[in-house]
Amino acid sequence: MAKVFGIDAGDLPDGVMVADCVVILRAMEPDGEPAIYIRRSEGLAVWDAIGLTTIALDTFRDNAQECFIPDDEDEEEVEEP
């Protein structure tokens, strides 16, 4: 299992080496307030970080939408009035 900034990055195929990353952390401040922290690899250009997060957003959105697409066999035909 690969580690990025000390965090498990899940299983990656054998031989894959992490080149750069963007990490978004949901955290709790000492006073109990929620916080978001964003970190990127040293040397990773802001434009490349934007590209990585855009790809991630598109992938997450596609995965979420698939949850709402009915299977063909579950679809019911609706008659038009």
C-alpha atoms as a PDB file:
ATOM      1  CA  MET A   1       0.000   0.000   0.000  1.00  0.00           C
ATOM      2  CA  ALA A   2       1.423   3.387  -1.000  1.00  0.00           C
ATOM      3  CA  LYS A   3       1.690   6.236   1.474  1.00  0.00           C
ATOM      4  CA  VAL A   4       1.381   9.902   0.517  1.00  0.00           C
ATOM      5  CA  PHE A   5       2.254  12.422   3.232  1.00  0.00           C
ATOM      6  CA  GLY A   6       2.085   9.436   5.594  1.00  0.00           C
ATOM      7  CA  ILE A   7      -1.523   8.633   4.577  1.00  0.00           C
ATOM      8  CA  ASP A   8      -2.436   5.302   2.973  1.00  0.00           C
ATOM      9  CA  ALA A   9      -3.165   5.938  -0.705  1.00  0.00           C
ATOM     10  CA  GLY A  10      -4.764   2.572  -1.306  1.00  0.00           C
ATOM     11  CA  ASP A  11      -3.536  -0.213  -3.493  1.00  0.00           C
ATOM     12  CA  LEU A  12      -1.674   0.893  -6.586  1.00  0.00           C
ATOM     13  CA  PRO A  13      -0.557  -1.468  -9.338  1.00  0.00           C
ATOM     14  CA  ASP A  14       2.888  -3.016  -8.862  1.00  0.00           C
ATOM     15  CA  GLY A  15       5.672  -0.749 -10.043  1.00  0.00           C
ATOM     16  CA  VAL A  16       3.667   2.492  -9.868  1.00  0.00           C
ATOM     17  CA  MET A  17       5.563   5.347  -8.236  1.00  0.00           C
ATOM     18  CA  VAL A  18       3.679   8.405  -6.999  1.00  0.00           C
ATOM     19  CA  ALA A  19       5.080  11.471  -8.786  1.00  0.00           C
ATOM     20  CA  ASP A  20       2.915  14.273  -7.377  1.00  0.00           C
ATOM     21  CA  CYS A  21      -0.246  14.630  -5.361  1.00  0.00           C
ATOM     22  CA  VAL A  22      -2.904  16.972  -4.087  1.00  0.00           C
ATOM     23  CA  VAL A  23      -4.391  16.183  -0.684  1.00  0.00           C
ATOM     24  CA  ILE A  24      -7.607  17.643   0.712  1.00  0.00           C
ATOM     25  CA  LEU A  25      -8.081  17.095   4.427  1.00  0.00           C
ATOM     26  CA  ARG A  26     -11.218  17.576   6.456  1.00  0.00           C
ATOM     27  CA  ALA A  27     -10.118  18.361   9.979  1.00  0.00           C
ATOM     28  CA  MET A  28     -11.300  19.629  13.327  1.00  0.00           C
ATOM     29  CA  GLU A  29      -9.636  22.685  14.850  1.00  0.00           C
ATOM     30  CA  PRO A  30      -8.709  22.597  18.563  1.00  0.00           C
ATOM     31  CA  ASP A  31     -11.733  24.824  19.298  1.00  0.00           C
ATOM     32  CA  GLY A  32     -14.059  22.281  17.648  1.00  0.00           C
ATOM     33  CA  GLU A  33     -14.570  24.195  14.397  1.00  0.00           C
ATOM     34  CA  PRO A  34     -14.392  22.181  11.170  1.00  0.00           C
ATOM     35  CA  ALA A  35     -11.637  23.059   8.715  1.00  0.00           C
ATOM     36  CA  ILE A  36     -10.392  22.106   5.262  1.00  0.00           C
ATOM     37  CA  TYR A  37      -6.681  21.963   4.472  1.00  0.00           C
ATOM     38  CA  ILE A  38      -5.293  21.586   0.973  1.00  0.00           C
ATOM     39  CA  ARG A  39      -1.719  20.503   0.338  1.00  0.00           C
ATOM     40  CA  ARG A  40       0.193  19.726  -2.843  1.00  0.00           C
ATOM     41  CA  SER A  41       3.525  18.162  -3.617  1.00  0.00           C
ATOM     42  CA  GLU A  42       6.494  20.472  -3.419  1.00  0.00           C
ATOM     43  CA  GLY A  43       7.198  21.693  -6.925  1.00  0.00           C
ATOM     44  CA  LEU A  44       3.759  20.797  -8.303  1.00  0.00           C
ATOM     45  CA  ALA A  45       2.571  23.803 -10.310  1.00  0.00           C
ATOM     46  CA  VAL A  46      -0.765  25.310  -9.332  1.00  0.00           C
ATOM     47  CA  TRP A  47      -2.118  24.608 -12.840  1.00  0.00           C
ATOM     48  CA  ASP A  48      -1.177  20.935 -12.534  1.00  0.00           C
ATOM     49  CA  ALA A  49      -2.850  20.789  -9.109  1.00  0.00           C
ATOM     50  CA  ILE A  50      -5.996  22.287 -10.644  1.00  0.00           C
ATOM     51  CA  GLY A  51      -5.881  19.648 -13.376  1.00  0.00           C
ATOM     52  CA  LEU A  52      -5.539  16.813 -10.845  1.00  0.00           C
ATOM     53  CA  THR A  53      -8.412  18.089  -8.713  1.00  0.00           C
ATOM     54  CA  THR A  54     -10.602  18.632 -11.803  1.00  0.00           C
ATOM     55  CA  ILE A  55     -10.033  15.031 -12.895  1.00  0.00           C
ATOM     56  CA  ALA A  56     -10.846  13.853  -9.360  1.00  0.00           C
ATOM     57  CA  LEU A  57     -14.017  15.980  -9.253  1.00  0.00           C
ATOM     58  CA  ASP A  58     -15.198  14.640 -12.617  1.00  0.00           C
ATOM     59  CA  THR A  59     -14.532  11.056 -11.499  1.00  0.00           C
ATOM     60  CA  PHE A  60     -16.338  11.525  -8.172  1.00  0.00           C
ATOM     61  CA  ARG A  61     -19.287  13.168  -9.956  1.00  0.00           C
ATOM     62  CA  ASP A  62     -19.516  10.335 -12.518  1.00  0.00           C
ATOM     63  CA  ASN A  63     -19.399   7.718  -9.753  1.00  0.00           C
ATOM     64  CA  ALA A  64     -22.112   9.531  -7.802  1.00  0.00           C
ATOM     65  CA  GLN A  65     -24.353   9.833 -10.860  1.00  0.00           C
ATOM     66  CA  GLU A  66     -24.010   6.116 -11.598  1.00  0.00           C
ATOM     67  CA  CYS A  67     -25.738   5.450  -8.284  1.00  0.00           C
ATOM     68  CA  PHE A  68     -28.885   7.051  -9.684  1.00  0.00           C
ATOM     69  CA  ILE A  69     -28.904   5.442 -13.129  1.00  0.00           C
ATOM     70  CA  PRO A  70     -31.294   2.502 -13.034  1.00  0.00           C
ATOM     71  CA  ASP A  71     -30.289  -0.865 -14.464  1.00  0.00           C
ATOM     72  CA  ASP A  72     -32.076  -1.761 -17.715  1.00  0.00           C
ATOM     73  CA  GLU A  73     -34.004  -4.538 -16.032  1.00  0.00           C
ATOM     74  CA  ASP A  74     -35.156  -2.246 -13.207  1.00  0.00           C
ATOM     75  CA  GLU A  75     -36.524   0.418 -15.554  1.00  0.00           C
ATOM     76  CA  GLU A  76     -40.264   0.741 -15.671  1.00  0.00           C
ATOM     77  CA  GLU A  77     -41.906   2.031 -18.783  1.00  0.00           C
ATOM     78  CA  VAL A  78     -44.007   5.081 -18.120  1.00  0.00           C
ATOM     79  CA  GLU A  79     -46.939   5.718 -20.432  1.00  0.00           C
ATOM     80  CA  GLU A  80     -47.377   9.250 -21.664  1.00  0.00           C
ATOM     81  CA  PRO A  81     -50.779  10.751 -20.737  1.00  0.00           C
END
